[in-house]
Amino acid sequence: MRFRITHQTEYHYRVPASESYAELRVNPSSDFHQRVVKRRLEIKPDTRIHSYTDHFGNHVEFFSIPFRHSRLIVRSHAEIETFPVQPPDSVLQVSVAEARQILNSRLLKIYTFLQPSTHVPLHKVLLPLRKNFFNHHQPVGESLHELNRWIFENFKYKSGVTDVSTPLDEVILQRKGVCQDFAHLMISILRTYGLPARYVSGYIESHDPTQKAPSLIGAAASHAWVEVCLPGGFWWGLDPTNNQVAGERHVRVAVGRDYRDVAPLRGTYKGAQDQKLEVMVRVKRSGS
């Protein structure tokens, strides 16, 4: 599939900012899941854009505006082609116990994704759920599908009840949240049970124009899902918000330990007061 994606972030300041600095993670990478056909970044006011690759392999762009401005617009345009990629059935049939044993042999590469992080505490935070999520002898693929479905069925998607600072224990108590909360919950469960998992930010096509199926959740802004490392080093994407495997309708932008590593825009400014933020994401299938 091929998509045209626009991601726009706009700040308005009641009192002009005297200076701004921002770091962006809105530039998708090409890999065996997807190919970047073309991509363009616009900043208003005009300024020079720099870039680097971070520790997790994400494309990072950054800029500064060293003069007074009352508005800042960041607009990313991309055309992305996605491909259907699934792990081999033989990998999914490996038991949970065998999967952990195999993954332990490459601990140096996955260690970071087994540890607690800023938004992903482990162990005790899960006690209120009163559930054992994995049977050691069950195939790992089947177990992961069950976990994906359990979060979807037991947590209600509701915007506005949480934000990026809401701790995971509060999400568990409320049983409500948004895609980033469900991703953090799933990662916490996976890491607690010894399965390496990472947070994925990106985009999702909400409505398939060729089908009458219901729309997916998460297209109004950046979407979040999870990738779990399987034996053989295959990172498998699962979307608990929609109870789906991350497929051709998912476009990956950045990966990390949790949301803090992949925030689309992070920055500071001086002098401004009462900022107003507007974010718009548009994902349209090419030719539709």
Protein backbone atom coordinates (compact mmCIF):
# COMPACT_ATOMS: atom_id res chain seq x y z
CA MET A 1 0.00 0.00 0.00
CA ARG A 2 1.09 3.58 -0.54
CA PHE A 3 0.08 6.53 1.66
CA ARG A 4 0.44 10.30 1.59
CA ILE A 5 0.89 11.56 5.13
CA THR A 6 0.81 15.10 6.50
CA HIS A 7 1.65 15.78 10.14
CA GLN A 8 1.27 19.41 11.20
CA THR A 9 1.98 20.93 14.60
CA GLU A 10 1.16 24.59 15.17
CA TYR A 11 1.90 26.79 18.18
CA HIS A 12 0.36 30.21 18.74
CA TYR A 13 1.78 32.49 21.47
CA ARG A 14 -0.24 35.32 23.03
CA VAL A 15 3.04 37.07 23.79
CA PRO A 16 5.70 36.39 21.11
CA ALA A 17 8.51 34.00 21.89
CA SER A 18 11.97 35.53 21.75
CA GLU A 19 13.62 32.22 20.86
CA SER A 20 12.60 28.59 20.20
CA TYR A 21 14.41 25.28 19.95
CA ALA A 22 12.78 21.99 18.94
CA GLU A 23 13.69 18.38 18.25
CA LEU A 24 11.49 16.33 15.90
CA ARG A 25 10.87 12.63 15.37
CA VAL A 26 8.44 12.76 12.45
CA ASN A 27 10.64 11.33 9.69
CA PRO A 28 9.90 7.64 8.90
CA SER A 29 12.71 5.23 8.04
CA SER A 30 12.90 2.74 5.19
CA ASP A 31 13.20 -0.94 6.15
CA PHE A 32 11.64 -4.26 5.17
CA HIS A 33 8.24 -3.08 6.54
CA GLN A 34 8.08 0.13 4.52
CA ARG A 35 9.82 2.37 1.99
CA VAL A 36 10.01 6.17 2.07
CA VAL A 37 9.19 7.29 -1.48
CA LYS A 38 9.61 10.99 -0.76
CA ARG A 39 9.55 13.29 2.21
CA ARG A 40 9.63 17.03 2.92
CA LEU A 41 9.74 19.13 6.11
CA GLU A 42 8.54 22.73 6.37
CA ILE A 43 9.22 25.10 9.27
CA LYS A 44 7.59 28.52 9.60
CA PRO A 45 9.22 30.93 10.33
CA ASP A 46 11.89 29.68 7.92
CA THR A 47 15.01 28.39 9.59
CA ARG A 48 17.85 25.97 8.98
CA ILE A 49 17.14 22.29 9.81
CA HIS A 50 19.79 19.89 11.14
CA SER A 51 19.55 16.12 11.64
CA TYR A 52 21.15 13.09 13.28
CA THR A 53 20.34 9.43 14.03
CA ASP A 54 19.63 8.62 17.66
CA HIS A 55 20.58 5.59 19.77
CA PHE A 56 17.52 3.64 18.58
CA GLY A 57 18.08 4.34 14.89
CA ASN A 58 15.41 7.05 14.58
CA HIS A 59 15.82 10.01 12.22
CA VAL A 60 15.90 13.16 14.38
CA GLU A 61 15.62 16.71 13.01
CA PHE A 62 16.21 19.83 15.07
CA PHE A 63 16.18 23.58 14.61
CA SER A 64 16.32 26.88 16.46
CA ILE A 65 14.55 30.18 15.80
CA PRO A 66 16.69 32.90 17.42
CA PHE A 67 14.28 35.80 16.87
CA ARG A 68 10.83 36.94 17.98
CA HIS A 69 7.86 35.02 16.60
CA SER A 70 4.22 34.64 17.59
CA ARG A 71 3.57 31.43 15.67
CA LEU A 72 5.49 28.24 14.93
CA ILE A 73 4.36 25.72 12.31
CA VAL A 74 6.03 22.36 11.74
CA ARG A 75 4.66 20.47 8.75
CA SER A 76 5.96 17.07 7.63
CA HIS A 77 4.89 15.59 4.28
CA ALA A 78 5.73 12.00 3.39
CA GLU A 79 4.79 9.38 0.84
CA ILE A 80 5.30 5.87 2.20
CA GLU A 81 4.89 2.43 0.68
CA THR A 82 4.18 -0.40 3.14
CA PHE A 83 4.59 -4.16 2.76
CA PRO A 84 2.95 -7.21 4.37
CA VAL A 85 5.62 -8.80 6.57
CA GLN A 86 4.91 -11.50 9.13
CA PRO A 87 7.19 -13.72 11.26
CA PRO A 88 7.53 -17.36 10.18
CA ASP A 89 4.95 -19.73 11.68
CA SER A 90 7.81 -21.81 13.06
CA VAL A 91 8.84 -18.84 15.25
CA LEU A 92 5.30 -18.19 16.48
CA GLN A 93 4.96 -21.87 17.46
CA VAL A 94 7.95 -21.75 19.83
CA SER A 95 6.79 -21.96 23.45
CA VAL A 96 7.03 -18.92 25.72
CA ALA A 97 9.70 -20.69 27.84
CA GLU A 98 11.78 -21.58 24.77
CA ALA A 99 11.42 -18.07 23.38
CA ARG A 100 12.80 -16.54 26.58
CA GLN A 101 15.68 -19.02 26.63
CA ILE A 102 16.60 -18.26 23.01
CA LEU A 103 16.33 -14.50 23.52
CA ASN A 104 18.58 -14.64 26.58
CA SER A 105 21.40 -15.69 24.27
CA ARG A 106 21.34 -12.20 22.68
CA LEU A 107 20.80 -10.31 25.93
CA LEU A 108 23.27 -7.53 25.11
CA LYS A 109 21.19 -6.45 22.10
CA ILE A 110 17.81 -6.52 23.83
CA TYR A 111 18.73 -5.64 27.44
CA THR A 112 17.37 -2.08 27.17
CA PHE A 113 13.94 -3.39 26.18
CA LEU A 114 13.69 -5.65 29.22
CA GLN A 115 14.24 -2.91 31.79
CA PRO A 116 11.80 -0.47 33.43
CA SER A 117 11.75 3.01 31.91
CA THR A 118 10.23 6.41 32.64
CA HIS A 119 6.67 5.48 31.60
CA VAL A 120 6.95 1.70 31.98
CA PRO A 121 7.32 0.42 35.55
CA LEU A 122 7.40 -3.35 35.97
CA HIS A 123 6.21 -6.08 38.37
CA LYS A 124 4.26 -4.48 41.27
CA VAL A 125 2.35 -2.04 39.08
CA LEU A 126 0.59 -5.06 37.50
CA LEU A 127 -0.62 -6.63 40.77
CA PRO A 128 -4.09 -4.96 40.64
CA LEU A 129 -4.75 -6.80 37.37
CA ARG A 130 -4.69 -10.13 39.26
CA LYS A 131 -3.86 -12.10 36.15
CA ASN A 132 -1.17 -14.49 34.96
CA PHE A 133 -0.65 -13.51 31.34
CA PHE A 134 1.62 -16.28 30.08
CA ASN A 135 1.70 -20.07 30.21
CA HIS A 136 5.28 -21.25 29.81
CA HIS A 137 4.25 -24.10 27.48
CA GLN A 138 1.88 -22.11 25.25
CA PRO A 139 3.10 -21.02 21.78
CA VAL A 140 4.46 -17.48 22.00
CA GLY A 141 2.42 -16.28 19.02
CA GLU A 142 -0.85 -17.48 20.54
CA SER A 143 0.07 -15.93 23.90
CA LEU A 144 0.82 -12.54 22.33
CA HIS A 145 -2.46 -12.54 20.41
CA GLU A 146 -4.31 -13.29 23.65
CA LEU A 147 -2.57 -10.43 25.47
CA ASN A 148 -3.33 -8.03 22.63
CA ARG A 149 -7.02 -9.02 22.74
CA TRP A 150 -7.21 -8.89 26.55
CA ILE A 151 -6.07 -5.27 26.69
CA PHE A 152 -8.50 -4.36 23.90
CA GLU A 153 -11.42 -6.00 25.70
CA ASN A 154 -10.64 -4.82 29.24
CA PHE A 155 -9.55 -1.21 28.66
CA LYS A 156 -11.75 1.46 27.14
CA TYR A 157 -10.38 3.97 24.65
CA LYS A 158 -11.31 7.44 25.90
CA SER A 159 -9.41 10.60 25.03
CA GLY A 160 -8.97 13.31 27.63
CA VAL A 161 -8.84 11.08 30.71
CA THR A 162 -5.03 10.75 30.57
CA ASP A 163 -2.05 12.68 29.23
CA VAL A 164 1.64 11.94 28.74
CA SER A 165 2.29 12.42 32.47
CA THR A 166 -0.41 9.99 33.71
CA PRO A 167 1.31 7.10 35.55
CA LEU A 168 0.59 3.54 34.48
CA ASP A 169 -0.91 2.58 37.84
CA GLU A 170 -3.61 5.23 37.34
CA VAL A 171 -4.38 3.89 33.85
CA ILE A 172 -4.72 0.41 35.35
CA LEU A 173 -7.04 1.73 38.06
CA GLN A 174 -9.28 3.62 35.63
CA ARG A 175 -9.21 0.96 32.89
CA LYS A 176 -9.37 3.87 30.42
CA GLY A 177 -6.88 5.71 28.26
CA VAL A 178 -5.53 6.16 24.76
CA CYS A 179 -3.14 4.30 22.48
CA GLN A 180 0.04 5.38 24.29
CA ASP A 181 -1.39 4.13 27.61
CA PHE A 182 -2.29 0.74 26.15
CA ALA A 183 1.14 0.47 24.54
CA HIS A 184 2.85 1.24 27.87
CA LEU A 185 0.65 -1.33 29.64
CA MET A 186 1.44 -4.04 27.11
CA ILE A 187 5.17 -3.29 27.26
CA SER A 188 5.10 -3.46 31.06
CA ILE A 189 3.45 -6.89 30.96
CA LEU A 190 5.84 -8.22 28.31
CA ARG A 191 8.99 -7.00 30.06
CA THR A 192 7.77 -8.24 33.44
CA TYR A 193 7.43 -11.71 31.92
CA GLY A 194 10.88 -11.57 30.35
CA LEU A 195 9.91 -10.73 26.76
CA PRO A 196 11.70 -7.70 25.24
CA ALA A 197 9.32 -5.05 23.93
CA ARG A 198 9.63 -1.54 22.53
CA TYR A 199 7.29 1.41 21.99
CA VAL A 200 6.44 2.41 18.42
CA SER A 201 5.11 5.77 17.26
CA GLY A 202 3.69 6.28 13.82
CA TYR A 203 0.49 6.60 11.85
CA ILE A 204 -2.47 4.43 10.99
CA GLU A 205 -5.00 4.52 8.18
CA SER A 206 -8.31 4.69 10.05
CA HIS A 207 -10.64 3.68 7.22
CA ASP A 208 -9.97 1.16 4.47
CA PRO A 209 -11.65 2.62 1.34
CA THR A 210 -11.97 -0.86 -0.17
CA GLN A 211 -13.85 -2.38 2.79
CA LYS A 212 -16.99 -1.77 4.83
CA ALA A 213 -15.15 -2.66 8.02
CA PRO A 214 -15.29 -0.27 11.02
CA SER A 215 -12.71 2.49 11.25
CA LEU A 216 -9.60 1.92 13.33
CA ILE A 217 -8.71 4.10 16.32
CA GLY A 218 -5.72 6.42 16.34
CA ALA A 219 -5.69 8.36 13.07
CA ALA A 220 -6.45 11.83 14.43
CA ALA A 221 -2.88 12.20 15.71
CA SER A 222 0.24 10.06 16.03
CA HIS A 223 -0.61 6.45 16.84
CA ALA A 224 1.25 4.11 19.19
CA TRP A 225 1.68 0.36 19.29
CA VAL A 226 4.17 -2.26 20.48
CA GLU A 227 6.88 -4.40 18.95
CA VAL A 228 8.01 -7.55 20.75
CA CYS A 229 11.27 -9.28 19.89
CA LEU A 230 10.84 -12.90 18.79
CA PRO A 231 13.47 -15.63 18.46
CA GLY A 232 15.61 -14.87 15.43
CA GLY A 233 15.54 -11.14 16.16
CA PHE A 234 12.23 -10.42 14.39
CA TRP A 235 10.40 -7.43 15.90
CA TRP A 236 6.66 -8.17 15.64
CA GLY A 237 4.21 -5.28 15.81
CA LEU A 238 0.98 -5.59 17.82
CA ASP A 239 -1.67 -2.88 18.22
CA PRO A 240 -3.69 -3.40 21.43
CA THR A 241 -5.80 -0.29 20.78
CA ASN A 242 -7.32 -2.00 17.74
CA ASN A 243 -6.65 -5.67 18.61
CA GLN A 244 -4.63 -6.11 15.43
CA VAL A 245 -1.21 -7.12 14.22
CA ALA A 246 0.56 -4.00 12.94
CA GLY A 247 0.28 -4.41 9.20
CA GLU A 248 0.25 -2.50 5.93
CA ARG A 249 -2.05 0.20 7.35
CA HIS A 250 0.52 1.06 10.04
CA VAL A 251 3.40 3.42 9.19
CA ARG A 252 6.26 3.36 11.68
CA VAL A 253 8.13 6.58 12.48
CA ALA A 254 10.21 5.93 15.62
CA VAL A 255 10.91 3.29 18.28
CA GLY A 256 12.16 3.51 21.85
CA ARG A 257 11.73 2.37 25.42
CA ASP A 258 8.53 4.38 25.84
CA TYR A 259 6.84 7.59 24.69
CA ARG A 260 9.61 9.78 26.06
CA ASP A 261 12.08 8.37 23.50
CA VAL A 262 9.83 8.97 20.49
CA ALA A 263 7.85 12.17 21.19
CA PRO A 264 7.10 13.75 17.78
CA LEU A 265 8.13 17.22 18.97
CA ARG A 266 10.07 18.24 22.05
CA GLY A 267 11.40 21.73 22.64
CA THR A 268 11.74 24.88 24.66
CA TYR A 269 11.02 28.54 24.10
CA LYS A 270 11.71 31.87 25.84
CA GLY A 271 9.42 34.78 26.51
CA ALA A 272 6.17 33.28 25.21
CA GLN A 273 3.02 33.05 27.32
CA ASP A 274 -0.27 31.16 27.00
CA GLN A 275 0.69 28.95 24.10
CA LYS A 276 -2.05 27.28 22.06
CA LEU A 277 -1.21 23.96 20.41
CA GLU A 278 -2.96 22.40 17.41
CA VAL A 279 -1.99 19.06 15.87
CA MET A 280 -3.34 17.61 12.63
CA VAL A 281 -2.48 14.27 11.06
CA ARG A 282 -3.80 13.17 7.68
CA VAL A 283 -3.20 9.71 6.25
CA LYS A 284 -4.57 9.14 2.75
CA ARG A 285 -4.08 6.13 0.55
CA SER A 286 -2.44 7.11 -2.76
CA GLY A 287 -4.85 6.85 -5.65
CA SER A 288 -7.92 6.93 -3.37
